[in-house]
Every structure is written in C-alpha cells, then in structure tokens.
Amino acid sequence: MQIRLFHLQNSRSQRIVWFLEELGLPYELVINHHSNTDEKKNSPHQLSKFPTVEIINQEQIFILAETSAIIDYLSYLYPQLGQTKLLGSQLQSFYYWKNYCEATFIPDLLLKQIFHQIVQRTPFPVRFVSKFLKYGFDQGYLNPSLQQQMTMIDKHLKDHLWFAGDQFTVADILMWFPLLACAQNNHQFKHIQRYLAQIENRPAFKKSLIKGLWSASTFQSYWTIAW
C-alpha cells in the first residue's frame, strides 16, 4: 500500500504527519502553504480538504479526507495506537476524548478565528460594530466555555499520563493541536503544560515537525491574535 498525504502547513493536518510517523509507515508528503497557488500541490479531494490521503492499493486509488476519518481508517489497518489494548475506564476515556476533540473543542476554537476574521474584514468606519459583537460573544459564551473545557482537561490529566490512561493513543494525537492553541493563553493549567512538554519529547513528534515544516512562531501568532 502506498500513501500520499496532502498536508497544509501549520494546520490541523500536522496531526496526520505525526500519526504516520508514530506508526512508522512509509508515505509521500505533499506540502501546501497557505499562500500557495500551485495546483499540483492542492488536495485531490473534491472539496480541496486538508489533510487528504491518497491511498494506492493494488493499482486502485482511494481518496480520503477529514482527520478523524483518516485516523479511524488507518487505525483499523494498523491498530497499535487504537483501543485494542484498553479496558474499562481506559476504553471509555479513549472514545470520549477522541470524539470530544472534533465535536466540541475544535469548533469553539474555530469560532475564535471566524470572529477575528469578521472583524478584520469589516470596513474600518464600521469595524467597531463587529468588534463589539466579538467582545460580547467572547465574554458571554466563548471564553467561559473554553475556560471550563481547559479546567476539565487539566483535571483529567492530573490523574492520567495520557488521555486514555497509561497508553499513548490517537486520542492524544487529536487533542494536541487544540490544546496547544489554547495553552498559549492559559499558562495556569500546569497539568496541560506537563502533557504538552511530554509530547514534545516523543521522537516521532519531533520528526513530524521537521517533515511538516511546522513553525511554532507562526502558529503562536495566529492563535494569539484571535484571543
């Protein structure tokens, strides 16, 4: 089986680069930059999604997008980072955090960026209106919600090495990106900070950052302005 990953630099697709490195699978990486207009590097998915994998197996080509779908499919084929060795509460934690990440955590973070973009694209004479709306939404819902979520996560990590317990799983790969985006503005969560430092020491993670052309400064700037 041949795997070609279409990856957008400094985006959530970095998690798939890391996932493939953790699995130790050979793959071809096609990197697209946010300012890139090279059609050869665009996603082959009909909605131009990143990440997208192109899987060639016995001369058949299969296109798959969406981070969770890619992780679920490859975890079915290569289950070492999945739920196969988990029991009881570990299995429950695995399914909860794996699905919570994409269903609740990331949508709230995306709202941060959406409202920031609305403010930036509003004509200057009336920009105060969109700023007022952003401030009201942040203070009335988004900031309290994210604070509550980070408190819940920090409490969980206080008693768990990884999200599913003692075993590193794909739930950790999924949760890394949104946690990093929030943690830059929430230094009081010491267990989350410990957890992120723990991830940074994984050899496959370090390798994936180099391969994926990850820029910590660009990422930090992108998310800091949204708050």
C-alpha atoms as a PDB file:
ATOM      1  CA  MET A   1       0.000   0.000   0.000  1.00  0.00           C
ATOM      2  CA  GLN A   2       1.276   3.457  -0.934  1.00  0.00           C
ATOM      3  CA  ILE A   3       0.211   6.568   0.968  1.00  0.00           C
ATOM      4  CA  ARG A   4       0.438  10.137  -0.261  1.00  0.00           C
ATOM      5  CA  LEU A   5      -0.508  12.807   2.308  1.00  0.00           C
ATOM      6  CA  PHE A   6      -1.607  16.268   1.167  1.00  0.00           C
ATOM      7  CA  HIS A   7      -0.735  18.498   4.082  1.00  0.00           C
ATOM      8  CA  LEU A   8      -1.364  22.193   4.735  1.00  0.00           C
ATOM      9  CA  GLN A   9       1.499  23.738   6.672  1.00  0.00           C
ATOM     10  CA  ASN A  10       0.768  24.818  10.259  1.00  0.00           C
ATOM     11  CA  SER A  11      -2.732  23.411  10.180  1.00  0.00           C
ATOM     12  CA  ARG A  12      -4.565  20.565  11.873  1.00  0.00           C
ATOM     13  CA  SER A  13      -3.230  18.216   9.210  1.00  0.00           C
ATOM     14  CA  GLN A  14       0.086  18.283  11.108  1.00  0.00           C
ATOM     15  CA  ARG A  15      -1.541  15.654  13.298  1.00  0.00           C
ATOM     16  CA  ILE A  16      -1.675  13.207  10.382  1.00  0.00           C
ATOM     17  CA  VAL A  17       2.023  13.732   9.661  1.00  0.00           C
ATOM     18  CA  TRP A  18       2.678  12.904  13.311  1.00  0.00           C
ATOM     19  CA  PHE A  19       0.301   9.930  13.217  1.00  0.00           C
ATOM     20  CA  LEU A  20       2.093   8.393  10.231  1.00  0.00           C
ATOM     21  CA  GLU A  21       5.453   8.918  11.928  1.00  0.00           C
ATOM     22  CA  GLU A  22       4.195   7.207  15.098  1.00  0.00           C
ATOM     23  CA  LEU A  23       3.008   4.260  13.020  1.00  0.00           C
ATOM     24  CA  GLY A  24       6.318   4.142  11.180  1.00  0.00           C
ATOM     25  CA  LEU A  25       4.571   3.894   7.817  1.00  0.00           C
ATOM     26  CA  PRO A  26       6.277   4.983   4.584  1.00  0.00           C
ATOM     27  CA  TYR A  27       4.444   7.837   2.889  1.00  0.00           C
ATOM     28  CA  GLU A  28       4.914  10.642   0.399  1.00  0.00           C
ATOM     29  CA  LEU A  29       4.285  14.118   1.766  1.00  0.00           C
ATOM     30  CA  VAL A  30       2.906  16.882  -0.462  1.00  0.00           C
ATOM     31  CA  ILE A  31       3.045  20.197   1.396  1.00  0.00           C
ATOM     32  CA  ASN A  32       0.827  23.145   0.567  1.00  0.00           C
ATOM     33  CA  HIS A  33       1.378  26.594   2.070  1.00  0.00           C
ATOM     34  CA  HIS A  34      -1.469  28.974   2.877  1.00  0.00           C
ATOM     35  CA  SER A  35      -0.284  31.342   0.136  1.00  0.00           C
ATOM     36  CA  ASN A  36       0.442  28.596  -2.396  1.00  0.00           C
ATOM     37  CA  THR A  37      -1.480  28.538  -5.677  1.00  0.00           C
ATOM     38  CA  ASP A  38       0.325  25.551  -7.166  1.00  0.00           C
ATOM     39  CA  GLU A  39      -2.446  23.255  -8.424  1.00  0.00           C
ATOM     40  CA  LYS A  40      -0.108  20.265  -8.308  1.00  0.00           C
ATOM     41  CA  LYS A  41       0.030  20.579  -4.527  1.00  0.00           C
ATOM     42  CA  ASN A  42      -3.692  21.131  -3.984  1.00  0.00           C
ATOM     43  CA  SER A  43      -5.746  18.481  -2.270  1.00  0.00           C
ATOM     44  CA  PRO A  44      -7.202  15.890  -4.662  1.00  0.00           C
ATOM     45  CA  HIS A  45     -10.399  15.862  -2.609  1.00  0.00           C
ATOM     46  CA  GLN A  46     -13.362  17.404  -4.430  1.00  0.00           C
ATOM     47  CA  LEU A  47     -13.765  19.966  -1.623  1.00  0.00           C
ATOM     48  CA  SER A  48      -9.994  20.668  -1.537  1.00  0.00           C
ATOM     49  CA  LYS A  49      -9.750  19.413   2.038  1.00  0.00           C
ATOM     50  CA  PHE A  50      -6.560  19.242   4.107  1.00  0.00           C
ATOM     51  CA  PRO A  51      -5.496  16.755   5.237  1.00  0.00           C
ATOM     52  CA  THR A  52      -6.276  14.329   2.453  1.00  0.00           C
ATOM     53  CA  VAL A  53      -4.635  10.979   1.859  1.00  0.00           C
ATOM     54  CA  GLU A  54      -4.354   9.240  -1.458  1.00  0.00           C
ATOM     55  CA  ILE A  55      -4.025   5.509  -0.899  1.00  0.00           C
ATOM     56  CA  ILE A  56      -2.876   3.281  -3.722  1.00  0.00           C
ATOM     57  CA  ASN A  57      -3.506  -0.401  -3.152  1.00  0.00           C
ATOM     58  CA  GLN A  58      -3.254  -2.999  -5.911  1.00  0.00           C
ATOM     59  CA  GLU A  59      -3.490  -0.282  -8.558  1.00  0.00           C
ATOM     60  CA  GLN A  60      -6.692   1.100  -7.033  1.00  0.00           C
ATOM     61  CA  ILE A  61      -6.654   4.726  -5.833  1.00  0.00           C
ATOM     62  CA  PHE A  62      -8.674   5.698  -2.784  1.00  0.00           C
ATOM     63  CA  ILE A  63      -9.071   9.341  -1.659  1.00  0.00           C
ATOM     64  CA  LEU A  64      -9.908  10.018   1.989  1.00  0.00           C
ATOM     65  CA  ALA A  65     -10.232  13.381   3.763  1.00  0.00           C
ATOM     66  CA  GLU A  66     -11.103  14.543   7.313  1.00  0.00           C
ATOM     67  CA  THR A  67      -8.612  13.991  10.112  1.00  0.00           C
ATOM     68  CA  SER A  68     -10.811  11.655  12.158  1.00  0.00           C
ATOM     69  CA  ALA A  69     -11.748   9.563   9.136  1.00  0.00           C
ATOM     70  CA  ILE A  70      -8.097   9.156   8.132  1.00  0.00           C
ATOM     71  CA  ILE A  71      -7.103   8.186  11.668  1.00  0.00           C
ATOM     72  CA  ASP A  72     -10.011   5.758  12.034  1.00  0.00           C
ATOM     73  CA  TYR A  73      -9.308   4.048   8.708  1.00  0.00           C
ATOM     74  CA  LEU A  74      -5.575   3.683   9.214  1.00  0.00           C
ATOM     75  CA  SER A  75      -6.124   2.631  12.830  1.00  0.00           C
ATOM     76  CA  TYR A  76      -8.316  -0.177  11.538  1.00  0.00           C
ATOM     77  CA  LEU A  77      -5.413  -1.352   9.372  1.00  0.00           C
ATOM     78  CA  TYR A  78      -2.695  -0.575  11.939  1.00  0.00           C
ATOM     79  CA  PRO A  79      -4.354  -0.760  15.396  1.00  0.00           C
ATOM     80  CA  GLN A  80      -1.343  -0.249  17.663  1.00  0.00           C
ATOM     81  CA  LEU A  81      -2.401   3.309  18.638  1.00  0.00           C
ATOM     82  CA  GLY A  82      -6.079   2.486  18.959  1.00  0.00           C
ATOM     83  CA  GLN A  83      -8.301   0.874  21.539  1.00  0.00           C
ATOM     84  CA  THR A  84      -7.218  -2.757  21.207  1.00  0.00           C
ATOM     85  CA  LYS A  85      -5.264  -2.855  24.484  1.00  0.00           C
ATOM     86  CA  LEU A  86      -7.658  -0.705  26.510  1.00  0.00           C
ATOM     87  CA  LEU A  87     -10.178  -1.954  29.046  1.00  0.00           C
ATOM     88  CA  GLY A  88     -12.900  -0.470  31.234  1.00  0.00           C
ATOM     89  CA  SER A  89     -12.475   3.208  32.085  1.00  0.00           C
ATOM     90  CA  GLN A  90      -9.496   3.495  29.746  1.00  0.00           C
ATOM     91  CA  LEU A  91     -11.658   2.473  26.813  1.00  0.00           C
ATOM     92  CA  GLN A  92     -14.378   4.912  27.853  1.00  0.00           C
ATOM     93  CA  SER A  93     -11.834   7.734  28.125  1.00  0.00           C
ATOM     94  CA  PHE A  94     -10.410   6.863  24.726  1.00  0.00           C
ATOM     95  CA  TYR A  95     -13.766   7.153  22.964  1.00  0.00           C
ATOM     96  CA  TYR A  96     -14.800  10.256  24.872  1.00  0.00           C
ATOM     97  CA  TRP A  97     -11.676  12.359  24.270  1.00  0.00           C
ATOM     98  CA  LYS A  98     -11.225  11.169  20.710  1.00  0.00           C
ATOM     99  CA  ASN A  99     -14.707  12.359  19.778  1.00  0.00           C
ATOM    100  CA  TYR A 100     -14.858  15.362  22.104  1.00  0.00           C
ATOM    101  CA  CYS A 101     -11.875  16.889  20.329  1.00  0.00           C
ATOM    102  CA  GLU A 102     -13.510  17.237  16.902  1.00  0.00           C
ATOM    103  CA  ALA A 103     -17.115  17.640  18.088  1.00  0.00           C
ATOM    104  CA  THR A 104     -16.752  20.256  20.846  1.00  0.00           C
ATOM    105  CA  PHE A 105     -13.241  21.556  21.432  1.00  0.00           C
ATOM    106  CA  ILE A 106     -12.130  22.472  17.911  1.00  0.00           C
ATOM    107  CA  PRO A 107     -15.483  24.017  16.828  1.00  0.00           C
ATOM    108  CA  ASP A 108     -15.210  26.511  19.701  1.00  0.00           C
ATOM    109  CA  LEU A 109     -11.646  27.335  18.719  1.00  0.00           C
ATOM    110  CA  LEU A 110     -12.685  27.862  15.112  1.00  0.00           C
ATOM    111  CA  LEU A 111     -15.294  30.360  16.275  1.00  0.00           C
ATOM    112  CA  LYS A 112     -12.411  32.373  17.742  1.00  0.00           C
ATOM    113  CA  GLN A 113     -10.806  32.624  14.318  1.00  0.00           C
ATOM    114  CA  ILE A 114     -14.090  33.228  12.496  1.00  0.00           C
ATOM    115  CA  PHE A 115     -14.971  36.235  14.663  1.00  0.00           C
ATOM    116  CA  HIS A 116     -11.429  37.562  14.338  1.00  0.00           C
ATOM    117  CA  GLN A 117     -11.677  37.348  10.545  1.00  0.00           C
ATOM    118  CA  ILE A 118     -15.065  39.083  10.603  1.00  0.00           C
ATOM    119  CA  VAL A 119     -13.501  41.994  12.483  1.00  0.00           C
ATOM    120  CA  GLN A 120     -10.530  42.156  10.090  1.00  0.00           C
ATOM    121  CA  ARG A 121     -12.749  42.164   7.007  1.00  0.00           C
ATOM    122  CA  THR A 122     -15.239  44.728   8.259  1.00  0.00           C
ATOM    123  CA  PRO A 123     -14.719  48.181   6.653  1.00  0.00           C
ATOM    124  CA  PHE A 124     -12.833  50.416   9.069  1.00  0.00           C
ATOM    125  CA  PRO A 125     -15.587  53.058   9.570  1.00  0.00           C
ATOM    126  CA  VAL A 126     -17.947  50.433  10.991  1.00  0.00           C
ATOM    127  CA  ARG A 127     -15.407  47.990  12.410  1.00  0.00           C
ATOM    128  CA  PHE A 128     -16.353  48.972  15.942  1.00  0.00           C
ATOM    129  CA  VAL A 129     -19.661  47.139  15.411  1.00  0.00           C
ATOM    130  CA  SER A 130     -18.001  43.782  14.639  1.00  0.00           C
ATOM    131  CA  LYS A 131     -15.503  44.348  17.469  1.00  0.00           C
ATOM    132  CA  PHE A 132     -18.395  44.891  19.857  1.00  0.00           C
ATOM    133  CA  LEU A 133     -20.113  41.712  18.645  1.00  0.00           C
ATOM    134  CA  LYS A 134     -16.884  39.713  19.011  1.00  0.00           C
ATOM    135  CA  TYR A 135     -16.319  41.062  22.501  1.00  0.00           C
ATOM    136  CA  GLY A 136     -19.872  40.223  23.535  1.00  0.00           C
ATOM    137  CA  PHE A 137     -19.684  36.690  22.156  1.00  0.00           C
ATOM    138  CA  ASP A 138     -16.244  36.101  23.694  1.00  0.00           C
ATOM    139  CA  GLN A 139     -17.261  37.307  27.121  1.00  0.00           C
ATOM    140  CA  GLY A 140     -20.756  35.879  27.081  1.00  0.00           C
ATOM    141  CA  TYR A 141     -20.026  32.415  25.748  1.00  0.00           C
ATOM    142  CA  LEU A 142     -16.736  31.510  24.093  1.00  0.00           C
ATOM    143  CA  ASN A 143     -14.174  32.440  26.745  1.00  0.00           C
ATOM    144  CA  PRO A 144     -16.138  30.894  29.642  1.00  0.00           C
ATOM    145  CA  SER A 145     -16.751  27.759  27.573  1.00  0.00           C
ATOM    146  CA  LEU A 146     -13.086  27.303  26.650  1.00  0.00           C
ATOM    147  CA  GLN A 147     -12.015  28.057  30.219  1.00  0.00           C
ATOM    148  CA  GLN A 148     -14.409  25.420  31.520  1.00  0.00           C
ATOM    149  CA  GLN A 149     -13.133  22.901  28.976  1.00  0.00           C
ATOM    150  CA  MET A 150      -9.487  23.575  29.819  1.00  0.00           C
ATOM    151  CA  THR A 151     -10.269  23.164  33.525  1.00  0.00           C
ATOM    152  CA  MET A 152     -11.922  19.805  32.810  1.00  0.00           C
ATOM    153  CA  ILE A 153      -8.970  18.653  30.686  1.00  0.00           C
ATOM    154  CA  ASP A 154      -6.399  19.783  33.241  1.00  0.00           C
ATOM    155  CA  LYS A 155      -8.260  17.896  35.978  1.00  0.00           C
ATOM    156  CA  HIS A 156      -8.276  14.742  33.858  1.00  0.00           C
ATOM    157  CA  LEU A 157      -4.571  14.976  33.057  1.00  0.00           C
ATOM    158  CA  LYS A 158      -3.751  15.430  36.725  1.00  0.00           C
ATOM    159  CA  ASP A 159      -4.502  11.742  37.252  1.00  0.00           C
ATOM    160  CA  HIS A 160      -3.663  10.363  33.805  1.00  0.00           C
ATOM    161  CA  LEU A 161      -0.406  10.167  31.894  1.00  0.00           C
ATOM    162  CA  TRP A 162      -2.249  10.178  28.551  1.00  0.00           C
ATOM    163  CA  PHE A 163      -5.889  10.797  27.740  1.00  0.00           C
ATOM    164  CA  ALA A 164      -6.787   7.096  27.766  1.00  0.00           C
ATOM    165  CA  GLY A 165      -4.635   6.351  30.800  1.00  0.00           C
ATOM    166  CA  ASP A 166      -1.131   4.900  30.702  1.00  0.00           C
ATOM    167  CA  GLN A 167      -1.165   4.177  26.976  1.00  0.00           C
ATOM    168  CA  PHE A 168      -0.471   6.717  24.230  1.00  0.00           C
ATOM    169  CA  THR A 169      -3.276   6.587  21.635  1.00  0.00           C
ATOM    170  CA  VAL A 170      -4.695   8.505  18.682  1.00  0.00           C
ATOM    171  CA  ALA A 171      -6.796  10.474  21.199  1.00  0.00           C
ATOM    172  CA  ASP A 172      -3.557  12.202  22.219  1.00  0.00           C
ATOM    173  CA  ILE A 173      -2.668  12.953  18.619  1.00  0.00           C
ATOM    174  CA  LEU A 174      -6.067  14.550  18.048  1.00  0.00           C
ATOM    175  CA  MET A 175      -6.070  16.571  21.275  1.00  0.00           C
ATOM    176  CA  TRP A 176      -2.593  18.025  20.834  1.00  0.00           C
ATOM    177  CA  PHE A 177      -3.476  20.729  18.289  1.00  0.00           C
ATOM    178  CA  PRO A 178      -6.400  22.414  20.088  1.00  0.00           C
ATOM    179  CA  LEU A 179      -4.622  22.148  23.439  1.00  0.00           C
ATOM    180  CA  LEU A 180      -1.583  23.922  22.035  1.00  0.00           C
ATOM    181  CA  ALA A 181      -3.787  26.652  20.568  1.00  0.00           C
ATOM    182  CA  CYS A 182      -5.423  27.267  23.959  1.00  0.00           C
ATOM    183  CA  ALA A 183      -2.457  26.635  26.224  1.00  0.00           C
ATOM    184  CA  GLN A 184      -0.577  29.645  24.897  1.00  0.00           C
ATOM    185  CA  ASN A 185      -3.143  31.841  26.638  1.00  0.00           C
ATOM    186  CA  ASN A 186      -3.799  29.577  29.653  1.00  0.00           C
ATOM    187  CA  HIS A 187      -0.482  29.066  31.416  1.00  0.00           C
ATOM    188  CA  GLN A 188      -2.220  28.357  34.722  1.00  0.00           C
ATOM    189  CA  PHE A 189      -3.056  24.810  33.669  1.00  0.00           C
ATOM    190  CA  LYS A 190       0.099  23.069  34.855  1.00  0.00           C
ATOM    191  CA  HIS A 191      -1.024  19.530  34.016  1.00  0.00           C
ATOM    192  CA  ILE A 192      -1.751  20.516  30.419  1.00  0.00           C
ATOM    193  CA  GLN A 193       1.650  22.182  30.220  1.00  0.00           C
ATOM    194  CA  ARG A 194       3.270  18.993  31.526  1.00  0.00           C
ATOM    195  CA  TYR A 195       1.330  16.967  28.991  1.00  0.00           C
ATOM    196  CA  LEU A 196       2.398  19.158  26.048  1.00  0.00           C
ATOM    197  CA  ALA A 197       6.041  19.006  27.160  1.00  0.00           C
ATOM    198  CA  GLN A 198       5.708  15.228  27.337  1.00  0.00           C
ATOM    199  CA  ILE A 199       4.501  15.156  23.722  1.00  0.00           C
ATOM    200  CA  GLU A 200       7.392  17.330  22.583  1.00  0.00           C
ATOM    201  CA  ASN A 201       9.822  14.663  23.804  1.00  0.00           C
ATOM    202  CA  ARG A 202       8.418  11.947  21.546  1.00  0.00           C
ATOM    203  CA  PRO A 203      10.883  11.156  18.714  1.00  0.00           C
ATOM    204  CA  ALA A 204       8.104  10.686  16.142  1.00  0.00           C
ATOM    205  CA  PHE A 205       6.614  14.060  17.100  1.00  0.00           C
ATOM    206  CA  LYS A 206       9.943  15.843  16.662  1.00  0.00           C
ATOM    207  CA  LYS A 207      10.445  14.183  13.298  1.00  0.00           C
ATOM    208  CA  SER A 208       6.951  15.138  12.149  1.00  0.00           C
ATOM    209  CA  LEU A 209       7.532  18.824  12.937  1.00  0.00           C
ATOM    210  CA  ILE A 210      10.575  18.850  10.679  1.00  0.00           C
ATOM    211  CA  LYS A 211       8.864  16.968   7.881  1.00  0.00           C
ATOM    212  CA  GLY A 212       5.689  19.023   8.071  1.00  0.00           C
ATOM    213  CA  LEU A 213       7.615  22.344   8.093  1.00  0.00           C
ATOM    214  CA  TRP A 214       5.982  23.326  11.374  1.00  0.00           C
ATOM    215  CA  SER A 215       6.561  26.917  12.509  1.00  0.00           C
ATOM    216  CA  ALA A 216       5.910  27.432  16.219  1.00  0.00           C
ATOM    217  CA  SER A 217       6.168  31.225  15.911  1.00  0.00           C
ATOM    218  CA  THR A 218       3.617  31.377  13.076  1.00  0.00           C
ATOM    219  CA  PHE A 219       1.241  29.130  14.994  1.00  0.00           C
ATOM    220  CA  GLN A 220       1.572  31.190  18.158  1.00  0.00           C
ATOM    221  CA  SER A 221       0.974  34.453  16.313  1.00  0.00           C
ATOM    222  CA  TYR A 222      -2.068  33.052  14.503  1.00  0.00           C
ATOM    223  CA  TRP A 223      -3.830  31.965  17.675  1.00  0.00           C
ATOM    224  CA  THR A 224      -2.695  34.765  19.992  1.00  0.00           C
ATOM    225  CA  ILE A 225      -4.409  37.463  17.888  1.00  0.00           C
ATOM    226  CA  ALA A 226      -7.696  35.546  17.981  1.00  0.00           C
ATOM    227  CA  TRP A 227      -7.942  35.892  21.746  1.00  0.00           C
END
